Amino acid sequence: MAAIGVFCASSRTLEQRWLDLATRTGRELADRGHTLVSGGGCVGMMGALADGARAAGGYTLGVIPQPLVDLEVADTHADELVVTDGMASRKTLMIEKSDGFITLPGGLGTLDELFEVWTTTVLGMHHKPVVLVNTDGFFQGLLDWLGRLADTAFVGHSARDTLVVVDTVPAAVDAVEARLA
């Protein structure tokens, strides 16, 4: 099966529905036999994601920068935890270790990771699927803005089309699997 990188929030102050979404994502990946590649944190959605995968018998690979280890937010229960020197090397390693990517709701770090993998796909640096889960319209404002960028030629329509947008976790995993087949 595949190693799927998942980007999501690590905030400790999120509504329970977002933590539940992350838990369901981890379980879905594990139920389908995929390895979870995460940002290596144990808090917020990131922690719920890894816990969900492990609860369903999945393998978890966390990639975390040393400064976050120092803050004691590392997922020490990960099957494999790789510590990097910084955020940039974390993203690079997550891209290398993953066969495809799913982005769940999140903030600046999540958007940074989404744009990194999407940009490197568009530039042909890899051909891994990039899927955005727009649960409850979380990313709708972003998607509307991206549509305007495409309409004004700041982003090509073909680049915009490489980002797969779905509403549910099962649809996200289906989309990754279909593009890997």
N, C-alpha and C. Protein backbone atom coordinates (compact mmCIF):
# COMPACT_ATOMS: atom_id res chain seq x y z
N MET A 1 0.84 -1.18 0.00
CA MET A 1 0.00 0.00 0.00
C MET A 1 0.89 1.25 0.00
N ALA A 2 0.25 2.41 0.11
CA ALA A 2 0.96 3.66 -0.05
C ALA A 2 1.27 4.32 1.29
N ALA A 3 2.26 5.20 1.26
CA ALA A 3 2.55 6.10 2.38
C ALA A 3 1.89 7.43 2.03
N ILE A 4 0.96 7.85 2.86
CA ILE A 4 0.20 9.06 2.56
C ILE A 4 0.49 10.13 3.60
N GLY A 5 1.01 11.25 3.12
CA GLY A 5 1.28 12.39 3.97
C GLY A 5 0.00 13.16 4.22
N VAL A 6 -0.26 13.48 5.47
CA VAL A 6 -1.46 14.25 5.83
C VAL A 6 -1.03 15.51 6.56
N PHE A 7 -1.54 16.63 6.08
CA PHE A 7 -1.28 17.93 6.69
C PHE A 7 -2.55 18.39 7.40
N CYS A 8 -2.39 18.89 8.62
CA CYS A 8 -3.55 19.36 9.38
C CYS A 8 -3.08 20.20 10.57
N ALA A 9 -4.04 20.75 11.28
CA ALA A 9 -3.76 21.65 12.40
C ALA A 9 -3.18 20.90 13.59
N SER A 10 -2.36 21.62 14.34
CA SER A 10 -1.83 21.07 15.59
C SER A 10 -2.26 21.90 16.79
N SER A 11 -3.20 22.79 16.59
CA SER A 11 -3.69 23.64 17.67
C SER A 11 -4.37 22.81 18.75
N ARG A 12 -4.18 23.23 19.99
CA ARG A 12 -4.81 22.55 21.13
C ARG A 12 -6.19 23.11 21.44
N THR A 13 -6.66 24.10 20.69
CA THR A 13 -7.90 24.79 21.04
C THR A 13 -9.00 24.60 19.99
N LEU A 14 -8.98 23.51 19.28
CA LEU A 14 -9.94 23.28 18.20
C LEU A 14 -11.24 22.66 18.70
N GLU A 15 -12.29 22.87 17.93
CA GLU A 15 -13.56 22.21 18.21
C GLU A 15 -13.39 20.70 18.04
N GLN A 16 -14.15 19.95 18.79
CA GLN A 16 -14.07 18.49 18.76
C GLN A 16 -14.31 17.92 17.36
N ARG A 17 -15.16 18.55 16.56
CA ARG A 17 -15.46 18.02 15.22
C ARG A 17 -14.20 17.92 14.35
N TRP A 18 -13.26 18.83 14.54
CA TRP A 18 -12.04 18.78 13.75
C TRP A 18 -11.12 17.66 14.23
N LEU A 19 -11.08 17.45 15.53
CA LEU A 19 -10.31 16.33 16.07
C LEU A 19 -10.91 15.01 15.60
N ASP A 20 -12.24 14.94 15.59
CA ASP A 20 -12.92 13.73 15.11
C ASP A 20 -12.63 13.47 13.64
N LEU A 21 -12.59 14.53 12.84
CA LEU A 21 -12.26 14.40 11.41
C LEU A 21 -10.86 13.81 11.26
N ALA A 22 -9.92 14.30 12.05
CA ALA A 22 -8.55 13.80 11.98
C ALA A 22 -8.49 12.34 12.41
N THR A 23 -9.19 11.99 13.47
CA THR A 23 -9.21 10.60 13.93
C THR A 23 -9.76 9.69 12.84
N ARG A 24 -10.87 10.12 12.21
CA ARG A 24 -11.46 9.32 11.12
C ARG A 24 -10.48 9.16 9.96
N THR A 25 -9.72 10.19 9.68
CA THR A 25 -8.74 10.12 8.59
C THR A 25 -7.67 9.08 8.90
N GLY A 26 -7.13 9.13 10.11
CA GLY A 26 -6.13 8.13 10.50
C GLY A 26 -6.68 6.72 10.41
N ARG A 27 -7.90 6.53 10.89
CA ARG A 27 -8.54 5.20 10.83
C ARG A 27 -8.75 4.74 9.39
N GLU A 28 -9.22 5.65 8.55
CA GLU A 28 -9.48 5.31 7.14
C GLU A 28 -8.20 4.87 6.45
N LEU A 29 -7.11 5.59 6.69
CA LEU A 29 -5.84 5.22 6.08
C LEU A 29 -5.39 3.84 6.56
N ALA A 30 -5.48 3.61 7.86
CA ALA A 30 -5.06 2.32 8.43
C ALA A 30 -5.97 1.19 7.94
N ASP A 31 -7.28 1.43 7.91
CA ASP A 31 -8.22 0.40 7.45
C ASP A 31 -7.93 -0.03 6.01
N ARG A 32 -7.38 0.88 5.22
CA ARG A 32 -7.07 0.57 3.82
C ARG A 32 -5.62 0.10 3.65
N GLY A 33 -4.90 -0.03 4.76
CA GLY A 33 -3.55 -0.56 4.70
C GLY A 33 -2.45 0.43 4.38
N HIS A 34 -2.75 1.72 4.46
CA HIS A 34 -1.76 2.74 4.14
C HIS A 34 -0.96 3.15 5.37
N THR A 35 0.26 3.58 5.14
CA THR A 35 1.10 4.18 6.17
C THR A 35 0.75 5.65 6.28
N LEU A 36 0.65 6.15 7.50
CA LEU A 36 0.44 7.57 7.72
C LEU A 36 1.80 8.25 7.87
N VAL A 37 2.02 9.29 7.07
CA VAL A 37 3.18 10.16 7.24
C VAL A 37 2.62 11.48 7.76
N SER A 38 3.02 11.84 8.97
CA SER A 38 2.49 13.06 9.59
C SER A 38 3.63 13.98 9.99
N GLY A 39 3.24 15.14 10.50
CA GLY A 39 4.22 16.12 10.97
C GLY A 39 4.83 15.77 12.30
N GLY A 40 4.51 14.59 12.83
CA GLY A 40 5.19 14.09 14.02
C GLY A 40 4.78 14.69 15.34
N GLY A 41 3.68 15.45 15.35
CA GLY A 41 3.22 16.04 16.59
C GLY A 41 2.18 15.18 17.29
N CYS A 42 2.00 15.43 18.57
CA CYS A 42 1.05 14.65 19.37
C CYS A 42 -0.13 15.49 19.83
N VAL A 43 -0.28 16.70 19.34
CA VAL A 43 -1.33 17.59 19.80
C VAL A 43 -2.27 17.96 18.66
N GLY A 44 -3.45 18.43 19.02
CA GLY A 44 -4.43 18.89 18.05
C GLY A 44 -4.83 17.79 17.08
N MET A 45 -5.18 18.22 15.87
CA MET A 45 -5.59 17.26 14.85
C MET A 45 -4.46 16.30 14.50
N MET A 46 -3.22 16.79 14.53
CA MET A 46 -2.09 15.93 14.21
C MET A 46 -2.00 14.75 15.16
N GLY A 47 -2.18 15.00 16.44
CA GLY A 47 -2.16 13.92 17.42
C GLY A 47 -3.34 12.98 17.24
N ALA A 48 -4.54 13.54 17.00
CA ALA A 48 -5.74 12.72 16.79
C ALA A 48 -5.59 11.85 15.55
N LEU A 49 -4.99 12.39 14.51
CA LEU A 49 -4.74 11.67 13.26
C LEU A 49 -3.89 10.42 13.52
N ALA A 50 -2.78 10.61 14.19
CA ALA A 50 -1.87 9.49 14.47
C ALA A 50 -2.51 8.49 15.42
N ASP A 51 -3.21 8.98 16.43
CA ASP A 51 -3.90 8.08 17.35
C ASP A 51 -4.95 7.25 16.63
N GLY A 52 -5.68 7.88 15.71
CA GLY A 52 -6.69 7.16 14.94
C GLY A 52 -6.08 6.07 14.08
N ALA A 53 -4.95 6.38 13.46
CA ALA A 53 -4.28 5.38 12.62
C ALA A 53 -3.80 4.21 13.46
N ARG A 54 -3.18 4.49 14.59
CA ARG A 54 -2.68 3.42 15.45
C ARG A 54 -3.81 2.59 16.04
N ALA A 55 -4.91 3.23 16.40
CA ALA A 55 -6.05 2.50 16.98
C ALA A 55 -6.61 1.49 15.98
N ALA A 56 -6.43 1.77 14.69
CA ALA A 56 -6.92 0.87 13.65
C ALA A 56 -5.80 -0.06 13.15
N GLY A 57 -4.68 -0.08 13.85
CA GLY A 57 -3.59 -0.98 13.49
C GLY A 57 -2.66 -0.47 12.42
N GLY A 58 -2.70 0.84 12.14
CA GLY A 58 -1.87 1.41 11.09
C GLY A 58 -0.46 1.75 11.56
N TYR A 59 0.43 1.88 10.58
CA TYR A 59 1.82 2.26 10.82
C TYR A 59 1.92 3.77 10.70
N THR A 60 2.61 4.40 11.65
CA THR A 60 2.74 5.86 11.65
C THR A 60 4.21 6.27 11.58
N LEU A 61 4.47 7.17 10.66
CA LEU A 61 5.79 7.77 10.50
C LEU A 61 5.64 9.26 10.74
N GLY A 62 6.28 9.77 11.78
CA GLY A 62 6.23 11.19 12.08
C GLY A 62 7.54 11.86 11.71
N VAL A 63 7.43 13.07 11.18
CA VAL A 63 8.61 13.86 10.82
C VAL A 63 8.46 15.20 11.53
N ILE A 64 9.36 15.48 12.45
CA ILE A 64 9.20 16.67 13.30
C ILE A 64 10.54 17.40 13.46
N PRO A 65 10.52 18.73 13.44
CA PRO A 65 11.75 19.48 13.67
C PRO A 65 12.15 19.49 15.15
N GLN A 66 13.43 19.53 15.39
CA GLN A 66 13.96 19.51 16.75
C GLN A 66 13.34 20.58 17.66
N PRO A 67 13.13 21.81 17.18
CA PRO A 67 12.52 22.80 18.08
C PRO A 67 11.15 22.37 18.62
N LEU A 68 10.38 21.60 17.85
CA LEU A 68 9.09 21.11 18.35
C LEU A 68 9.26 19.93 19.30
N VAL A 69 10.31 19.14 19.09
CA VAL A 69 10.65 18.10 20.06
C VAL A 69 10.98 18.76 21.39
N ASP A 70 11.75 19.85 21.32
CA ASP A 70 12.14 20.57 22.53
C ASP A 70 10.93 21.13 23.29
N LEU A 71 9.84 21.43 22.56
CA LEU A 71 8.61 21.91 23.19
C LEU A 71 7.76 20.76 23.74
N GLU A 72 8.26 19.54 23.60
CA GLU A 72 7.60 18.34 24.10
C GLU A 72 6.25 18.09 23.43
N VAL A 73 6.19 18.31 22.12
CA VAL A 73 4.96 18.00 21.38
C VAL A 73 5.18 16.89 20.36
N ALA A 74 6.26 16.14 20.50
CA ALA A 74 6.56 15.05 19.57
C ALA A 74 5.67 13.84 19.86
N ASP A 75 5.28 13.16 18.79
CA ASP A 75 4.49 11.93 18.88
C ASP A 75 5.44 10.77 19.21
N THR A 76 5.72 10.61 20.48
CA THR A 76 6.68 9.59 20.91
C THR A 76 6.13 8.18 20.76
N HIS A 77 4.86 8.05 20.41
CA HIS A 77 4.27 6.73 20.17
C HIS A 77 4.33 6.33 18.70
N ALA A 78 4.87 7.20 17.85
CA ALA A 78 4.97 6.88 16.43
C ALA A 78 5.80 5.62 16.24
N ASP A 79 5.44 4.85 15.23
CA ASP A 79 6.24 3.66 14.91
C ASP A 79 7.65 4.07 14.49
N GLU A 80 7.72 5.20 13.83
CA GLU A 80 9.01 5.76 13.41
C GLU A 80 8.91 7.27 13.54
N LEU A 81 9.84 7.88 14.24
CA LEU A 81 9.86 9.32 14.42
C LEU A 81 11.21 9.84 13.93
N VAL A 82 11.15 10.68 12.91
CA VAL A 82 12.37 11.26 12.34
C VAL A 82 12.43 12.72 12.76
N VAL A 83 13.56 13.12 13.33
CA VAL A 83 13.74 14.49 13.79
C VAL A 83 14.62 15.22 12.79
N THR A 84 14.13 16.38 12.33
CA THR A 84 14.87 17.21 11.37
C THR A 84 15.37 18.47 12.07
N ASP A 85 16.20 19.23 11.37
CA ASP A 85 16.73 20.44 11.97
C ASP A 85 15.80 21.64 11.85
N GLY A 86 14.80 21.57 10.99
CA GLY A 86 13.90 22.71 10.84
C GLY A 86 12.67 22.36 10.02
N MET A 87 11.81 23.36 9.85
CA MET A 87 10.55 23.16 9.14
C MET A 87 10.76 22.84 7.66
N ALA A 88 11.72 23.50 7.02
CA ALA A 88 11.94 23.26 5.59
C ALA A 88 12.40 21.82 5.35
N SER A 89 13.31 21.34 6.17
CA SER A 89 13.78 19.96 5.99
C SER A 89 12.68 18.96 6.35
N ARG A 90 11.79 19.34 7.25
CA ARG A 90 10.63 18.48 7.57
C ARG A 90 9.77 18.30 6.32
N LYS A 91 9.44 19.42 5.64
CA LYS A 91 8.60 19.32 4.44
C LYS A 91 9.29 18.50 3.36
N THR A 92 10.57 18.74 3.17
CA THR A 92 11.31 17.99 2.15
C THR A 92 11.25 16.50 2.43
N LEU A 93 11.46 16.11 3.66
CA LEU A 93 11.44 14.69 4.01
C LEU A 93 10.04 14.11 3.90
N MET A 94 9.03 14.86 4.29
CA MET A 94 7.65 14.37 4.16
C MET A 94 7.30 14.15 2.68
N ILE A 95 7.76 15.04 1.82
CA ILE A 95 7.51 14.87 0.38
C ILE A 95 8.21 13.62 -0.12
N GLU A 96 9.46 13.42 0.30
CA GLU A 96 10.21 12.24 -0.13
C GLU A 96 9.58 10.94 0.35
N LYS A 97 9.07 10.93 1.59
CA LYS A 97 8.56 9.70 2.21
C LYS A 97 7.12 9.37 1.81
N SER A 98 6.40 10.32 1.20
CA SER A 98 4.98 10.14 0.89
C SER A 98 4.77 9.85 -0.59
N ASP A 99 3.75 9.01 -0.85
CA ASP A 99 3.35 8.71 -2.22
C ASP A 99 2.23 9.63 -2.69
N GLY A 100 1.55 10.27 -1.76
CA GLY A 100 0.46 11.18 -2.06
C GLY A 100 0.15 11.97 -0.80
N PHE A 101 -0.71 12.99 -0.95
CA PHE A 101 -0.94 13.93 0.14
C PHE A 101 -2.42 14.25 0.29
N ILE A 102 -2.83 14.37 1.54
CA ILE A 102 -4.17 14.81 1.89
C ILE A 102 -4.02 15.99 2.84
N THR A 103 -4.76 17.05 2.57
CA THR A 103 -4.75 18.22 3.45
C THR A 103 -6.11 18.35 4.10
N LEU A 104 -6.10 18.36 5.43
CA LEU A 104 -7.29 18.58 6.24
C LEU A 104 -7.29 20.04 6.69
N PRO A 105 -8.36 20.51 7.33
CA PRO A 105 -8.36 21.88 7.84
C PRO A 105 -7.15 22.17 8.73
N GLY A 106 -6.68 23.40 8.62
CA GLY A 106 -5.54 23.83 9.41
C GLY A 106 -5.25 25.30 9.17
N GLY A 107 -4.19 25.75 9.77
CA GLY A 107 -3.82 27.16 9.69
C GLY A 107 -2.62 27.39 8.81
N LEU A 108 -1.74 28.29 9.23
CA LEU A 108 -0.61 28.70 8.40
C LEU A 108 0.33 27.55 8.05
N GLY A 109 0.68 26.72 9.02
CA GLY A 109 1.57 25.60 8.74
C GLY A 109 0.97 24.64 7.75
N THR A 110 -0.31 24.36 7.89
CA THR A 110 -1.00 23.46 6.97
C THR A 110 -1.03 24.04 5.56
N LEU A 111 -1.33 25.32 5.46
CA LEU A 111 -1.34 25.96 4.14
C LEU A 111 0.05 25.98 3.53
N ASP A 112 1.07 26.22 4.34
CA ASP A 112 2.45 26.20 3.86
C ASP A 112 2.77 24.83 3.25
N GLU A 113 2.39 23.78 3.95
CA GLU A 113 2.66 22.42 3.46
C GLU A 113 1.87 22.12 2.20
N LEU A 114 0.59 22.51 2.18
CA LEU A 114 -0.23 22.31 0.98
C LEU A 114 0.40 23.00 -0.22
N PHE A 115 0.75 24.27 -0.07
CA PHE A 115 1.29 25.00 -1.20
C PHE A 115 2.65 24.46 -1.64
N GLU A 116 3.44 23.97 -0.72
CA GLU A 116 4.74 23.37 -1.08
C GLU A 116 4.53 22.13 -1.96
N VAL A 117 3.68 21.21 -1.52
CA VAL A 117 3.51 19.98 -2.32
C VAL A 117 2.76 20.25 -3.60
N TRP A 118 1.84 21.18 -3.59
CA TRP A 118 1.10 21.50 -4.81
C TRP A 118 2.01 22.20 -5.82
N THR A 119 2.80 23.15 -5.36
CA THR A 119 3.73 23.86 -6.25
C THR A 119 4.75 22.90 -6.86
N THR A 120 5.30 22.02 -6.05
CA THR A 120 6.30 21.09 -6.57
C THR A 120 5.67 20.09 -7.53
N THR A 121 4.40 19.80 -7.37
CA THR A 121 3.69 18.97 -8.35
C THR A 121 3.55 19.72 -9.67
N VAL A 122 3.08 20.96 -9.59
CA VAL A 122 2.87 21.77 -10.79
C VAL A 122 4.18 21.97 -11.55
N LEU A 123 5.28 22.11 -10.81
CA LEU A 123 6.59 22.31 -11.44
C LEU A 123 7.19 21.01 -11.98
N GLY A 124 6.50 19.89 -11.77
CA GLY A 124 6.98 18.61 -12.27
C GLY A 124 8.09 18.00 -11.43
N MET A 125 8.28 18.48 -10.22
CA MET A 125 9.33 17.94 -9.36
C MET A 125 8.93 16.58 -8.78
N HIS A 126 7.65 16.31 -8.78
CA HIS A 126 7.10 14.99 -8.46
C HIS A 126 5.71 14.92 -9.09
N HIS A 127 5.16 13.73 -9.12
CA HIS A 127 3.84 13.54 -9.72
C HIS A 127 2.90 12.85 -8.73
N LYS A 128 2.99 13.27 -7.50
CA LYS A 128 2.20 12.67 -6.42
C LYS A 128 0.88 13.42 -6.29
N PRO A 129 -0.21 12.68 -6.05
CA PRO A 129 -1.50 13.34 -5.93
C PRO A 129 -1.59 14.24 -4.70
N VAL A 130 -2.29 15.36 -4.88
CA VAL A 130 -2.49 16.34 -3.81
C VAL A 130 -4.00 16.55 -3.69
N VAL A 131 -4.54 16.19 -2.53
CA VAL A 131 -5.98 16.24 -2.31
C VAL A 131 -6.30 17.14 -1.12
N LEU A 132 -7.28 17.98 -1.29
CA LEU A 132 -7.73 18.92 -0.27
C LEU A 132 -9.12 18.50 0.20
N VAL A 133 -9.28 18.33 1.50
CA VAL A 133 -10.58 17.94 2.06
C VAL A 133 -11.30 19.21 2.53
N ASN A 134 -12.33 19.58 1.79
CA ASN A 134 -13.08 20.81 2.05
C ASN A 134 -14.33 20.53 2.89
N THR A 135 -14.14 19.87 4.01
CA THR A 135 -15.25 19.53 4.91
C THR A 135 -15.95 20.79 5.40
N ASP A 136 -17.26 20.79 5.32
CA ASP A 136 -18.08 21.91 5.78
C ASP A 136 -17.66 23.23 5.13
N GLY A 137 -17.08 23.17 3.93
CA GLY A 137 -16.68 24.38 3.22
C GLY A 137 -15.51 25.11 3.85
N PHE A 138 -14.72 24.40 4.68
CA PHE A 138 -13.62 25.03 5.40
C PHE A 138 -12.70 25.84 4.48
N PHE A 139 -12.38 25.29 3.32
CA PHE A 139 -11.43 25.94 2.40
C PHE A 139 -12.11 26.73 1.29
N GLN A 140 -13.43 26.97 1.37
CA GLN A 140 -14.13 27.58 0.25
C GLN A 140 -13.59 28.96 -0.11
N GLY A 141 -13.28 29.78 0.88
CA GLY A 141 -12.71 31.10 0.59
C GLY A 141 -11.41 30.99 -0.17
N LEU A 142 -10.57 30.05 0.23
CA LEU A 142 -9.30 29.82 -0.47
C LEU A 142 -9.56 29.36 -1.91
N LEU A 143 -10.50 28.44 -2.07
CA LEU A 143 -10.80 27.92 -3.40
C LEU A 143 -11.37 29.02 -4.31
N ASP A 144 -12.19 29.89 -3.76
CA ASP A 144 -12.72 31.00 -4.55
C ASP A 144 -11.58 31.91 -4.99
N TRP A 145 -10.65 32.20 -4.09
CA TRP A 145 -9.50 33.04 -4.42
C TRP A 145 -8.63 32.38 -5.49
N LEU A 146 -8.39 31.08 -5.35
CA LEU A 146 -7.60 30.36 -6.34
C LEU A 146 -8.29 30.39 -7.71
N GLY A 147 -9.61 30.30 -7.71
CA GLY A 147 -10.35 30.41 -8.97
C GLY A 147 -10.14 31.77 -9.62
N ARG A 148 -10.15 32.83 -8.81
CA ARG A 148 -9.89 34.17 -9.35
C ARG A 148 -8.47 34.28 -9.88
N LEU A 149 -7.51 33.66 -9.19
CA LEU A 149 -6.13 33.68 -9.69
C LEU A 149 -6.05 33.00 -11.05
N ALA A 150 -6.77 31.90 -11.21
CA ALA A 150 -6.76 31.20 -12.50
C ALA A 150 -7.45 32.05 -13.57
N ASP A 151 -8.53 32.70 -13.20
CA ASP A 151 -9.27 33.53 -14.17
C ASP A 151 -8.45 34.72 -14.64
N THR A 152 -7.50 35.19 -13.84
CA THR A 152 -6.67 36.33 -14.21
C THR A 152 -5.27 35.92 -14.67
N ALA A 153 -5.07 34.61 -14.86
CA ALA A 153 -3.84 34.04 -15.41
C ALA A 153 -2.64 34.11 -14.46
N PHE A 154 -2.88 34.38 -13.18
CA PHE A 154 -1.78 34.29 -12.21
C PHE A 154 -1.47 32.85 -11.88
N VAL A 155 -2.44 31.99 -12.02
CA VAL A 155 -2.29 30.54 -11.87
C VAL A 155 -2.96 29.92 -13.08
N GLY A 156 -2.28 29.02 -13.74
CA GLY A 156 -2.88 28.37 -14.90
C GLY A 156 -4.02 27.45 -14.49
N HIS A 157 -5.03 27.36 -15.34
CA HIS A 157 -6.15 26.45 -15.05
C HIS A 157 -5.65 25.02 -14.90
N SER A 158 -4.65 24.63 -15.68
CA SER A 158 -4.12 23.27 -15.56
C SER A 158 -3.46 23.06 -14.20
N ALA A 159 -2.81 24.10 -13.67
CA ALA A 159 -2.22 24.00 -12.33
C ALA A 159 -3.32 23.87 -11.29
N ARG A 160 -4.35 24.65 -11.43
CA ARG A 160 -5.47 24.60 -10.49
C ARG A 160 -6.11 23.21 -10.52
N ASP A 161 -6.18 22.62 -11.70
CA ASP A 161 -6.81 21.31 -11.85
C ASP A 161 -6.00 20.17 -11.22
N THR A 162 -4.73 20.39 -10.92
CA THR A 162 -3.94 19.34 -10.29
C THR A 162 -4.27 19.17 -8.81
N LEU A 163 -4.95 20.16 -8.23
CA LEU A 163 -5.39 20.06 -6.84
C LEU A 163 -6.79 19.43 -6.83
N VAL A 164 -6.89 18.25 -6.26
CA VAL A 164 -8.17 17.54 -6.20
C VAL A 164 -8.89 17.99 -4.93
N VAL A 165 -10.12 18.43 -5.07
CA VAL A 165 -10.89 18.91 -3.93
C VAL A 165 -12.07 17.97 -3.71
N VAL A 166 -12.22 17.50 -2.48
CA VAL A 166 -13.30 16.60 -2.10
C VAL A 166 -13.90 17.08 -0.77
N ASP A 167 -15.02 16.50 -0.40
CA ASP A 167 -15.70 16.92 0.83
C ASP A 167 -15.53 15.96 2.00
N THR A 168 -15.13 14.72 1.71
CA THR A 168 -15.08 13.70 2.77
C THR A 168 -13.74 12.98 2.79
N VAL A 169 -13.45 12.39 3.92
CA VAL A 169 -12.22 11.62 4.06
C VAL A 169 -12.20 10.39 3.14
N PRO A 170 -13.28 9.58 3.09
CA PRO A 170 -13.23 8.44 2.16
C PRO A 170 -12.98 8.88 0.72
N ALA A 171 -13.59 10.00 0.30
CA ALA A 171 -13.38 10.50 -1.06
C ALA A 171 -11.92 10.93 -1.25
N ALA A 172 -11.30 11.46 -0.22
CA ALA A 172 -9.90 11.88 -0.31
C ALA A 172 -9.00 10.67 -0.51
N VAL A 173 -9.22 9.63 0.27
CA VAL A 173 -8.39 8.42 0.13
C VAL A 173 -8.67 7.76 -1.22
N ASP A 174 -9.93 7.75 -1.65
CA ASP A 174 -10.26 7.23 -2.97
C ASP A 174 -9.48 7.98 -4.05
N ALA A 175 -9.44 9.31 -3.94
CA ALA A 175 -8.76 10.13 -4.94
C ALA A 175 -7.26 9.84 -4.99
N VAL A 176 -6.63 9.71 -3.83
CA VAL A 176 -5.21 9.37 -3.80
C VAL A 176 -5.00 7.99 -4.43
N GLU A 177 -5.79 7.03 -4.01
CA GLU A 177 -5.64 5.66 -4.53
C GLU A 177 -5.84 5.62 -6.04
N ALA A 178 -6.83 6.33 -6.56
CA ALA A 178 -7.10 6.33 -7.99
C ALA A 178 -5.92 6.90 -8.76
N ARG A 179 -5.29 7.93 -8.25
CA ARG A 179 -4.17 8.54 -8.95
C ARG A 179 -2.88 7.75 -8.82
N LEU A 180 -2.81 6.90 -7.82
CA LEU A 180 -1.64 6.04 -7.66
C LEU A 180 -1.75 4.74 -8.45
N ALA A 181 -2.98 4.40 -8.82
CA ALA A 181 -3.22 3.11 -9.54
C ALA A 181 -2.64 3.14 -10.93
